[in-house]
């Protein structure tokens, strides 16, 4: 394991390389000393995709690259666009345009402002310089690592197949404002409604999961956000797919501890990783 930057960990291929790039942007559990949050720490941790990088730890063994963040998404979210900032968060004037998304309006943009409607993360506005510090020392190194991995795959193989790896809370539909009655699938595969990867890529992932008895949904409720929109360009032979796994399948959502089923799920995802690698190898004519 080699550090690309102090805040980002790069796990390079340890077998013949493939143009397979996987990233876990939200599995970080190292909380910076200057965070300044006011909510209970246990509540803050609900933003983590805890252990997702470990679930997919077999990626380097099949020739892929795995990138993971050390820092938590609640501090700064490397999966968001760098200008996805609510101006109301800032104590000062931002030098340049901002493009806050719907996520920012809800409080979950580049810099999270709340955990839910009743729990604001900060008691006051944030200095512009502190936001820039988070971008330069956390967001930027992560995105640079991802961009570098993409560039190397394109240059060497003429394309890249990318998995953006996440986990989702069991009450995802309720948290997103869709009510309590809808049943969440075990896995949600997001390709922004068929626009960010070739059909065969999502199909091989889906079939690998279905054969183990998991339920799988496409783009419901998660379609993929800024990273997929930026990097998923099938016209350029860049194929990006977001994978969300339901957290109770492998951990206790309250304590963040791995459950007895963790190793079972990890083994199934190790098998899926090998099947994905075989697909990428065939598609890249290796």
C-alpha atoms as a PDB file:
ATOM      1  CA  UNK A   1       0.000   0.000   0.000  1.00  0.00           C
ATOM      2  CA  UNK A   2       1.491   3.302  -1.107  1.00  0.00           C
ATOM      3  CA  UNK A   3       0.389   6.772  -0.098  1.00  0.00           C
ATOM      4  CA  UNK A   4      -0.330   9.005  -3.054  1.00  0.00           C
ATOM      5  CA  UNK A   5      -0.935  11.927  -0.655  1.00  0.00           C
ATOM      6  CA  UNK A   6      -1.345  11.947   3.139  1.00  0.00           C
ATOM      7  CA  UNK A   7      -5.118  12.149   2.759  1.00  0.00           C
ATOM      8  CA  UNK A   8      -5.515   9.668  -0.107  1.00  0.00           C
ATOM      9  CA  UNK A   9      -4.400   6.051  -0.315  1.00  0.00           C
ATOM     10  CA  UNK A  10      -3.510   4.403  -3.608  1.00  0.00           C
ATOM     11  CA  UNK A  11      -3.585   0.612  -3.797  1.00  0.00           C
ATOM     12  CA  UNK A  12      -1.892  -0.152  -7.149  1.00  0.00           C
ATOM     13  CA  UNK A  13      -2.264  -3.356  -9.101  1.00  0.00           C
ATOM     14  CA  UNK A  14      -0.167  -6.220  -7.750  1.00  0.00           C
ATOM     15  CA  UNK A  15      -0.798  -8.442 -10.781  1.00  0.00           C
ATOM     16  CA  UNK A  16      -0.773  -7.757 -14.549  1.00  0.00           C
ATOM     17  CA  UNK A  17      -2.473  -4.399 -14.859  1.00  0.00           C
ATOM     18  CA  UNK A  18      -5.939  -3.871 -16.301  1.00  0.00           C
ATOM     19  CA  UNK A  19      -7.723  -0.613 -17.186  1.00  0.00           C
ATOM     20  CA  UNK A  20      -9.924  -1.079 -14.119  1.00  0.00           C
ATOM     21  CA  UNK A  21     -10.040   1.864 -11.691  1.00  0.00           C
ATOM     22  CA  UNK A  22     -12.080   1.645  -8.494  1.00  0.00           C
ATOM     23  CA  UNK A  23     -12.501   4.352  -5.896  1.00  0.00           C
ATOM     24  CA  UNK A  24     -14.054   4.554  -2.444  1.00  0.00           C
ATOM     25  CA  UNK A  25     -14.450   8.281  -1.737  1.00  0.00           C
ATOM     26  CA  UNK A  26     -16.457   7.990   1.487  1.00  0.00           C
ATOM     27  CA  UNK A  27     -14.822   5.210   3.517  1.00  0.00           C
ATOM     28  CA  UNK A  28     -12.408   7.526   5.361  1.00  0.00           C
ATOM     29  CA  UNK A  29     -12.467   7.456   9.159  1.00  0.00           C
ATOM     30  CA  UNK A  30      -9.599   9.833  10.076  1.00  0.00           C
ATOM     31  CA  UNK A  31     -11.209  13.039  11.350  1.00  0.00           C
ATOM     32  CA  UNK A  32      -9.022  16.165  11.006  1.00  0.00           C
ATOM     33  CA  UNK A  33      -8.306  18.113  14.200  1.00  0.00           C
ATOM     34  CA  UNK A  34      -9.633  21.328  12.641  1.00  0.00           C
ATOM     35  CA  UNK A  35     -13.047  19.875  11.750  1.00  0.00           C
ATOM     36  CA  UNK A  36     -14.887  22.001  14.336  1.00  0.00           C
ATOM     37  CA  UNK A  37     -18.141  20.003  14.292  1.00  0.00           C
ATOM     38  CA  UNK A  38     -20.736  20.483  17.032  1.00  0.00           C
ATOM     39  CA  UNK A  39     -22.899  17.374  16.542  1.00  0.00           C
ATOM     40  CA  UNK A  40     -22.255  14.161  18.495  1.00  0.00           C
ATOM     41  CA  UNK A  41     -19.413  12.173  16.952  1.00  0.00           C
ATOM     42  CA  UNK A  42     -21.558   9.046  16.682  1.00  0.00           C
ATOM     43  CA  UNK A  43     -24.058  10.988  14.589  1.00  0.00           C
ATOM     44  CA  UNK A  44     -21.317  12.478  12.418  1.00  0.00           C
ATOM     45  CA  UNK A  45     -20.073   8.992  11.571  1.00  0.00           C
ATOM     46  CA  UNK A  46     -23.362   8.174   9.846  1.00  0.00           C
ATOM     47  CA  UNK A  47     -21.955   9.932   6.816  1.00  0.00           C
ATOM     48  CA  UNK A  48     -19.248   7.284   6.392  1.00  0.00           C
ATOM     49  CA  UNK A  49     -19.305   4.438   3.903  1.00  0.00           C
ATOM     50  CA  UNK A  50     -17.427   2.550   6.595  1.00  0.00           C
ATOM     51  CA  UNK A  51     -15.424  -0.539   5.456  1.00  0.00           C
ATOM     52  CA  UNK A  52     -16.338  -0.200   1.762  1.00  0.00           C
ATOM     53  CA  UNK A  53     -12.665  -0.068   0.798  1.00  0.00           C
ATOM     54  CA  UNK A  54     -12.128  -3.346   2.677  1.00  0.00           C
ATOM     55  CA  UNK A  55     -15.116  -5.015   1.013  1.00  0.00           C
ATOM     56  CA  UNK A  56     -13.508  -4.348  -2.372  1.00  0.00           C
ATOM     57  CA  UNK A  57      -9.938  -4.944  -1.238  1.00  0.00           C
ATOM     58  CA  UNK A  58      -9.371  -7.666  -3.865  1.00  0.00           C
ATOM     59  CA  UNK A  59      -9.273  -5.141  -6.713  1.00  0.00           C
ATOM     60  CA  UNK A  60      -5.431  -4.871  -6.902  1.00  0.00           C
ATOM     61  CA  UNK A  61      -5.116  -8.676  -6.972  1.00  0.00           C
ATOM     62  CA  UNK A  62      -7.014  -8.844 -10.281  1.00  0.00           C
ATOM     63  CA  UNK A  63      -5.023  -6.029 -11.893  1.00  0.00           C
ATOM     64  CA  UNK A  64      -7.112  -3.024 -10.929  1.00  0.00           C
ATOM     65  CA  UNK A  65      -6.273   0.173  -9.062  1.00  0.00           C
ATOM     66  CA  UNK A  66      -8.122   0.988  -5.837  1.00  0.00           C
ATOM     67  CA  UNK A  67      -8.173   4.551  -4.490  1.00  0.00           C
ATOM     68  CA  UNK A  68      -9.638   5.410  -1.091  1.00  0.00           C
ATOM     69  CA  UNK A  69      -9.976   8.526   1.028  1.00  0.00           C
ATOM     70  CA  UNK A  70      -8.647   8.652   4.589  1.00  0.00           C
ATOM     71  CA  UNK A  71     -10.811  11.651   5.500  1.00  0.00           C
ATOM     72  CA  UNK A  72     -14.597  11.628   6.073  1.00  0.00           C
ATOM     73  CA  UNK A  73     -17.038  12.934   3.504  1.00  0.00           C
ATOM     74  CA  UNK A  74     -18.657  15.143   6.149  1.00  0.00           C
ATOM     75  CA  UNK A  75     -15.404  17.154   6.240  1.00  0.00           C
ATOM     76  CA  UNK A  76     -15.242  17.528   2.457  1.00  0.00           C
ATOM     77  CA  UNK A  77     -16.806  15.293  -0.164  1.00  0.00           C
ATOM     78  CA  UNK A  78     -14.452  14.255  -2.999  1.00  0.00           C
ATOM     79  CA  UNK A  79     -17.434  12.920  -4.927  1.00  0.00           C
ATOM     80  CA  UNK A  80     -18.859  16.436  -5.357  1.00  0.00           C
ATOM     81  CA  UNK A  81     -17.852  19.164  -7.787  1.00  0.00           C
ATOM     82  CA  UNK A  82     -15.391  21.655  -6.332  1.00  0.00           C
ATOM     83  CA  UNK A  83     -17.804  24.575  -6.850  1.00  0.00           C
ATOM     84  CA  UNK A  84     -20.802  22.780  -5.288  1.00  0.00           C
ATOM     85  CA  UNK A  85     -20.827  25.159  -2.309  1.00  0.00           C
ATOM     86  CA  UNK A  86     -23.743  26.965  -0.702  1.00  0.00           C
ATOM     87  CA  UNK A  87     -22.719  30.656  -0.438  1.00  0.00           C
ATOM     88  CA  UNK A  88     -24.663  30.845   2.837  1.00  0.00           C
ATOM     89  CA  UNK A  89     -22.028  28.565   4.395  1.00  0.00           C
ATOM     90  CA  UNK A  90     -19.247  31.092   3.863  1.00  0.00           C
ATOM     91  CA  UNK A  91     -18.039  33.854   6.129  1.00  0.00           C
ATOM     92  CA  UNK A  92     -16.607  35.977   3.351  1.00  0.00           C
ATOM     93  CA  UNK A  93     -16.560  36.467  -0.407  1.00  0.00           C
ATOM     94  CA  UNK A  94     -15.618  33.539  -2.641  1.00  0.00           C
ATOM     95  CA  UNK A  95     -13.230  34.446  -5.468  1.00  0.00           C
ATOM     96  CA  UNK A  96     -15.059  33.100  -8.476  1.00  0.00           C
ATOM     97  CA  UNK A  97     -18.424  31.593  -9.388  1.00  0.00           C
ATOM     98  CA  UNK A  98     -20.150  28.939  -7.312  1.00  0.00           C
ATOM     99  CA  UNK A  99     -22.577  26.351  -8.678  1.00  0.00           C
ATOM    100  CA  UNK A 100     -24.474  24.909  -5.729  1.00  0.00           C
ATOM    101  CA  UNK A 101     -26.460  21.818  -6.658  1.00  0.00           C
ATOM    102  CA  UNK A 102     -29.658  20.483  -5.165  1.00  0.00           C
ATOM    103  CA  UNK A 103     -27.424  18.545  -2.774  1.00  0.00           C
ATOM    104  CA  UNK A 104     -25.996  21.819  -1.480  1.00  0.00           C
ATOM    105  CA  UNK A 105     -29.497  23.195  -1.016  1.00  0.00           C
ATOM    106  CA  UNK A 106     -30.276  20.158   1.124  1.00  0.00           C
ATOM    107  CA  UNK A 107     -27.077  20.644   3.113  1.00  0.00           C
ATOM    108  CA  UNK A 108     -24.945  17.889   1.551  1.00  0.00           C
ATOM    109  CA  UNK A 109     -22.754  19.650  -0.983  1.00  0.00           C
ATOM    110  CA  UNK A 110     -18.975  19.794  -1.141  1.00  0.00           C
ATOM    111  CA  UNK A 111     -18.964  20.838   2.531  1.00  0.00           C
ATOM    112  CA  UNK A 112     -21.733  19.182   4.517  1.00  0.00           C
ATOM    113  CA  UNK A 113     -23.719  21.589   6.673  1.00  0.00           C
ATOM    114  CA  UNK A 114     -25.981  19.162   8.514  1.00  0.00           C
ATOM    115  CA  UNK A 115     -26.578  15.510   9.303  1.00  0.00           C
ATOM    116  CA  UNK A 116     -30.347  15.862   9.151  1.00  0.00           C
ATOM    117  CA  UNK A 117     -32.995  18.536   9.578  1.00  0.00           C
ATOM    118  CA  UNK A 118     -32.437  18.734  13.327  1.00  0.00           C
ATOM    119  CA  UNK A 119     -28.647  18.482  13.506  1.00  0.00           C
ATOM    120  CA  UNK A 120     -26.451  21.204  12.017  1.00  0.00           C
ATOM    121  CA  UNK A 121     -22.765  20.305  11.872  1.00  0.00           C
ATOM    122  CA  UNK A 122     -21.487  23.839  12.554  1.00  0.00           C
ATOM    123  CA  UNK A 123     -22.591  26.602  14.901  1.00  0.00           C
ATOM    124  CA  UNK A 124     -21.279  29.395  12.678  1.00  0.00           C
ATOM    125  CA  UNK A 125     -20.258  30.173   9.129  1.00  0.00           C
ATOM    126  CA  UNK A 126     -16.950  28.911   7.754  1.00  0.00           C
ATOM    127  CA  UNK A 127     -14.010  31.090   6.769  1.00  0.00           C
ATOM    128  CA  UNK A 128     -13.238  31.030   3.056  1.00  0.00           C
ATOM    129  CA  UNK A 129      -9.608  30.210   3.807  1.00  0.00           C
ATOM    130  CA  UNK A 130     -10.623  27.105   5.710  1.00  0.00           C
ATOM    131  CA  UNK A 131     -12.742  25.852   2.819  1.00  0.00           C
ATOM    132  CA  UNK A 132      -9.790  26.433   0.491  1.00  0.00           C
ATOM    133  CA  UNK A 133      -7.582  24.468   2.895  1.00  0.00           C
ATOM    134  CA  UNK A 134      -9.938  21.509   2.710  1.00  0.00           C
ATOM    135  CA  UNK A 135     -10.034  21.684  -1.077  1.00  0.00           C
ATOM    136  CA  UNK A 136      -6.273  21.975  -1.521  1.00  0.00           C
ATOM    137  CA  UNK A 137      -5.247  19.351   1.025  1.00  0.00           C
ATOM    138  CA  UNK A 138      -8.067  16.813   0.842  1.00  0.00           C
ATOM    139  CA  UNK A 139     -10.355  17.162  -2.196  1.00  0.00           C
ATOM    140  CA  UNK A 140      -7.604  17.984  -4.696  1.00  0.00           C
ATOM    141  CA  UNK A 141      -5.187  15.131  -3.854  1.00  0.00           C
ATOM    142  CA  UNK A 142      -8.034  12.630  -4.087  1.00  0.00           C
ATOM    143  CA  UNK A 143      -9.290  13.886  -7.431  1.00  0.00           C
ATOM    144  CA  UNK A 144      -5.733  14.154  -8.746  1.00  0.00           C
ATOM    145  CA  UNK A 145      -5.158  10.489  -7.863  1.00  0.00           C
ATOM    146  CA  UNK A 146      -8.329   9.505  -9.684  1.00  0.00           C
ATOM    147  CA  UNK A 147      -7.504  11.647 -12.709  1.00  0.00           C
ATOM    148  CA  UNK A 148      -3.986  10.198 -12.860  1.00  0.00           C
ATOM    149  CA  UNK A 149      -5.296   6.627 -12.767  1.00  0.00           C
ATOM    150  CA  UNK A 150      -7.716   7.430 -15.591  1.00  0.00           C
ATOM    151  CA  UNK A 151      -4.982   9.041 -17.659  1.00  0.00           C
ATOM    152  CA  UNK A 152      -2.640   6.087 -17.231  1.00  0.00           C
ATOM    153  CA  UNK A 153      -5.347   3.620 -18.257  1.00  0.00           C
ATOM    154  CA  UNK A 154      -6.302   5.649 -21.327  1.00  0.00           C
ATOM    155  CA  UNK A 155      -2.695   6.023 -22.424  1.00  0.00           C
ATOM    156  CA  UNK A 156      -1.804   2.370 -21.906  1.00  0.00           C
ATOM    157  CA  UNK A 157      -5.035   0.607 -22.863  1.00  0.00           C
ATOM    158  CA  UNK A 158      -7.104   3.128 -24.820  1.00  0.00           C
ATOM    159  CA  UNK A 159      -9.918   3.169 -22.290  1.00  0.00           C
ATOM    160  CA  UNK A 160     -10.913   2.772 -18.662  1.00  0.00           C
ATOM    161  CA  UNK A 161     -13.636   0.959 -16.709  1.00  0.00           C
ATOM    162  CA  UNK A 162     -14.409   2.667 -13.412  1.00  0.00           C
ATOM    163  CA  UNK A 163     -16.333   1.602 -10.298  1.00  0.00           C
ATOM    164  CA  UNK A 164     -17.333   4.342  -7.831  1.00  0.00           C
ATOM    165  CA  UNK A 165     -17.922   2.401  -4.596  1.00  0.00           C
ATOM    166  CA  UNK A 166     -20.351   3.318  -1.815  1.00  0.00           C
ATOM    167  CA  UNK A 167     -22.703   2.048   0.868  1.00  0.00           C
ATOM    168  CA  UNK A 168     -26.204   3.255   1.682  1.00  0.00           C
ATOM    169  CA  UNK A 169     -28.246   3.471   4.886  1.00  0.00           C
ATOM    170  CA  UNK A 170     -31.156   1.132   5.294  1.00  0.00           C
ATOM    171  CA  UNK A 171     -33.555   4.090   5.444  1.00  0.00           C
ATOM    172  CA  UNK A 172     -32.243   5.657   2.234  1.00  0.00           C
ATOM    173  CA  UNK A 173     -35.668   6.292   0.711  1.00  0.00           C
ATOM    174  CA  UNK A 174     -36.887   8.016   3.864  1.00  0.00           C
ATOM    175  CA  UNK A 175     -33.733  10.149   4.117  1.00  0.00           C
ATOM    176  CA  UNK A 176     -34.157  11.211   0.503  1.00  0.00           C
ATOM    177  CA  UNK A 177     -37.742  12.287   1.143  1.00  0.00           C
ATOM    178  CA  UNK A 178     -39.459   9.373  -0.622  1.00  0.00           C
ATOM    179  CA  UNK A 179     -41.287   8.049   2.451  1.00  0.00           C
ATOM    180  CA  UNK A 180     -40.938   4.891   4.526  1.00  0.00           C
ATOM    181  CA  UNK A 181     -42.875   2.407   2.403  1.00  0.00           C
ATOM    182  CA  UNK A 182     -40.440   1.707  -0.436  1.00  0.00           C
ATOM    183  CA  UNK A 183     -38.137  -1.292  -0.078  1.00  0.00           C
ATOM    184  CA  UNK A 184     -34.438  -0.655  -0.682  1.00  0.00           C
ATOM    185  CA  UNK A 185     -32.540  -3.165  -2.808  1.00  0.00           C
ATOM    186  CA  UNK A 186     -29.383  -4.806  -1.467  1.00  0.00           C
ATOM    187  CA  UNK A 187     -27.402  -3.118  -4.242  1.00  0.00           C
ATOM    188  CA  UNK A 188     -28.143  -0.055  -6.338  1.00  0.00           C
ATOM    189  CA  UNK A 189     -26.207   0.354  -9.582  1.00  0.00           C
ATOM    190  CA  UNK A 190     -26.076   3.891 -10.951  1.00  0.00           C
ATOM    191  CA  UNK A 191     -25.138   4.867 -14.479  1.00  0.00           C
ATOM    192  CA  UNK A 192     -27.128   8.106 -14.678  1.00  0.00           C
ATOM    193  CA  UNK A 193     -29.889   6.352 -16.595  1.00  0.00           C
ATOM    194  CA  UNK A 194     -27.641   4.555 -19.038  1.00  0.00           C
ATOM    195  CA  UNK A 195     -25.363   7.466 -19.939  1.00  0.00           C
ATOM    196  CA  UNK A 196     -22.063   6.816 -18.126  1.00  0.00           C
ATOM    197  CA  UNK A 197     -21.059   3.291 -19.150  1.00  0.00           C
ATOM    198  CA  UNK A 198     -21.634   0.679 -21.831  1.00  0.00           C
ATOM    199  CA  UNK A 199     -24.534  -1.735 -21.159  1.00  0.00           C
ATOM    200  CA  UNK A 200     -22.280  -4.762 -20.768  1.00  0.00           C
ATOM    201  CA  UNK A 201     -20.415  -3.239 -17.841  1.00  0.00           C
ATOM    202  CA  UNK A 202     -23.469  -2.769 -15.641  1.00  0.00           C
ATOM    203  CA  UNK A 203     -24.797  -6.138 -16.793  1.00  0.00           C
ATOM    204  CA  UNK A 204     -21.763  -8.120 -15.633  1.00  0.00           C
ATOM    205  CA  UNK A 205     -21.916  -6.489 -12.193  1.00  0.00           C
ATOM    206  CA  UNK A 206     -25.646  -7.056 -11.884  1.00  0.00           C
ATOM    207  CA  UNK A 207     -25.501 -10.719 -12.874  1.00  0.00           C
ATOM    208  CA  UNK A 208     -22.639 -11.430 -10.488  1.00  0.00           C
ATOM    209  CA  UNK A 209     -24.687 -10.050  -7.598  1.00  0.00           C
ATOM    210  CA  UNK A 210     -27.975 -11.668  -8.583  1.00  0.00           C
ATOM    211  CA  UNK A 211     -26.499 -15.158  -8.653  1.00  0.00           C
ATOM    212  CA  UNK A 212     -25.725 -14.870  -4.944  1.00  0.00           C
ATOM    213  CA  UNK A 213     -29.341 -14.020  -4.193  1.00  0.00           C
ATOM    214  CA  UNK A 214     -28.984 -10.278  -3.702  1.00  0.00           C
ATOM    215  CA  UNK A 215     -31.647  -7.875  -4.909  1.00  0.00           C
ATOM    216  CA  UNK A 216     -30.376  -5.278  -7.385  1.00  0.00           C
ATOM    217  CA  UNK A 217     -31.888  -2.001  -8.587  1.00  0.00           C
ATOM    218  CA  UNK A 218     -30.697   0.375 -11.260  1.00  0.00           C
ATOM    219  CA  UNK A 219     -30.641   4.140 -10.637  1.00  0.00           C
ATOM    220  CA  UNK A 220     -33.207   3.911  -7.838  1.00  0.00           C
ATOM    221  CA  UNK A 221     -32.713   5.852  -5.690  1.00  0.00           C
ATOM    222  CA  UNK A 222     -29.056   6.606  -6.550  1.00  0.00           C
ATOM    223  CA  UNK A 223     -28.099   7.468 -10.124  1.00  0.00           C
ATOM    224  CA  UNK A 224     -24.531   8.742  -9.548  1.00  0.00           C
ATOM    225  CA  UNK A 225     -23.385  12.317  -9.066  1.00  0.00           C
ATOM    226  CA  UNK A 226     -20.562  14.618 -10.115  1.00  0.00           C
ATOM    227  CA  UNK A 227     -17.751  12.081 -10.494  1.00  0.00           C
ATOM    228  CA  UNK A 228     -19.801   9.897 -12.831  1.00  0.00           C
ATOM    229  CA  UNK A 229     -21.005  12.916 -14.782  1.00  0.00           C
ATOM    230  CA  UNK A 230     -17.390  14.077 -15.226  1.00  0.00           C
ATOM    231  CA  UNK A 231     -15.690  10.752 -15.930  1.00  0.00           C
ATOM    232  CA  UNK A 232     -18.365   8.550 -17.457  1.00  0.00           C
ATOM    233  CA  UNK A 233     -17.852   9.135 -21.184  1.00  0.00           C
ATOM    234  CA  UNK A 234     -18.622   5.991 -23.180  1.00  0.00           C
ATOM    235  CA  UNK A 235     -17.967   7.974 -26.363  1.00  0.00           C
ATOM    236  CA  UNK A 236     -14.347   8.246 -25.166  1.00  0.00           C
ATOM    237  CA  UNK A 237     -14.252   4.608 -24.017  1.00  0.00           C
ATOM    238  CA  UNK A 238     -14.519   5.756 -20.388  1.00  0.00           C
ATOM    239  CA  UNK A 239     -17.109   3.727 -18.491  1.00  0.00           C
ATOM    240  CA  UNK A 240     -18.136   4.745 -14.963  1.00  0.00           C
ATOM    241  CA  UNK A 241     -20.568   2.868 -12.736  1.00  0.00           C
ATOM    242  CA  UNK A 242     -21.613   3.652  -9.166  1.00  0.00           C
ATOM    243  CA  UNK A 243     -22.248   0.736  -6.798  1.00  0.00           C
ATOM    244  CA  UNK A 244     -24.162   1.190  -3.537  1.00  0.00           C
ATOM    245  CA  UNK A 245     -24.436  -1.663  -1.020  1.00  0.00           C
ATOM    246  CA  UNK A 246     -27.020  -1.692   1.769  1.00  0.00           C
ATOM    247  CA  UNK A 247     -25.129  -1.251   5.042  1.00  0.00           C
ATOM    248  CA  UNK A 248     -26.963  -3.824   7.196  1.00  0.00           C
ATOM    249  CA  UNK A 249     -25.607  -6.518   4.854  1.00  0.00           C
ATOM    250  CA  UNK A 250     -22.174  -6.126   6.430  1.00  0.00           C
ATOM    251  CA  UNK A 251     -22.188  -3.847   9.480  1.00  0.00           C
ATOM    252  CA  UNK A 252     -24.093  -2.453  12.438  1.00  0.00           C
ATOM    253  CA  UNK A 253     -25.247   1.007  11.355  1.00  0.00           C
ATOM    254  CA  UNK A 254     -25.208   2.361  14.907  1.00  0.00           C
ATOM    255  CA  UNK A 255     -21.776   1.144  16.048  1.00  0.00           C
ATOM    256  CA  UNK A 256     -20.148   0.958  12.563  1.00  0.00           C
ATOM    257  CA  UNK A 257     -18.739  -2.451  13.541  1.00  0.00           C
ATOM    258  CA  UNK A 258     -18.492  -5.247  10.994  1.00  0.00           C
ATOM    259  CA  UNK A 259     -21.211  -7.853  11.344  1.00  0.00           C
ATOM    260  CA  UNK A 260     -20.850 -11.631  11.183  1.00  0.00           C
ATOM    261  CA  UNK A 261     -21.873 -11.423   7.515  1.00  0.00           C
ATOM    262  CA  UNK A 262     -19.006  -9.119   6.544  1.00  0.00           C
ATOM    263  CA  UNK A 263     -16.722 -11.920   5.359  1.00  0.00           C
ATOM    264  CA  UNK A 264     -19.543 -13.552   3.398  1.00  0.00           C
ATOM    265  CA  UNK A 265     -20.274 -10.359   1.497  1.00  0.00           C
ATOM    266  CA  UNK A 266     -16.568  -9.686   1.053  1.00  0.00           C
ATOM    267  CA  UNK A 267     -16.128 -13.143  -0.513  1.00  0.00           C
ATOM    268  CA  UNK A 268     -19.027 -12.536  -2.900  1.00  0.00           C
ATOM    269  CA  UNK A 269     -17.577  -9.173  -3.928  1.00  0.00           C
ATOM    270  CA  UNK A 270     -14.168 -10.786  -4.404  1.00  0.00           C
ATOM    271  CA  UNK A 271     -15.817 -13.172  -6.852  1.00  0.00           C
ATOM    272  CA  UNK A 272     -17.617 -10.273  -8.529  1.00  0.00           C
ATOM    273  CA  UNK A 273     -14.319  -8.402  -8.816  1.00  0.00           C
ATOM    274  CA  UNK A 274     -12.761 -11.343 -10.675  1.00  0.00           C
ATOM    275  CA  UNK A 275     -15.716 -11.485 -13.078  1.00  0.00           C
ATOM    276  CA  UNK A 276     -15.557  -7.741 -13.663  1.00  0.00           C
ATOM    277  CA  UNK A 277     -11.821  -8.031 -14.340  1.00  0.00           C
ATOM    278  CA  UNK A 278     -12.439 -10.795 -16.892  1.00  0.00           C
ATOM    279  CA  UNK A 279     -14.974  -8.579 -18.642  1.00  0.00           C
ATOM    280  CA  UNK A 280     -12.569  -5.611 -18.701  1.00  0.00           C
ATOM    281  CA  UNK A 281      -9.773  -7.805 -20.022  1.00  0.00           C
ATOM    282  CA  UNK A 282     -11.978  -9.057 -22.850  1.00  0.00           C
ATOM    283  CA  UNK A 283     -13.226  -5.562 -23.717  1.00  0.00           C
ATOM    284  CA  UNK A 284      -9.733  -4.079 -23.752  1.00  0.00           C
ATOM    285  CA  UNK A 285      -8.347  -6.891 -25.964  1.00  0.00           C
ATOM    286  CA  UNK A 286      -5.643  -7.911 -23.489  1.00  0.00           C
END
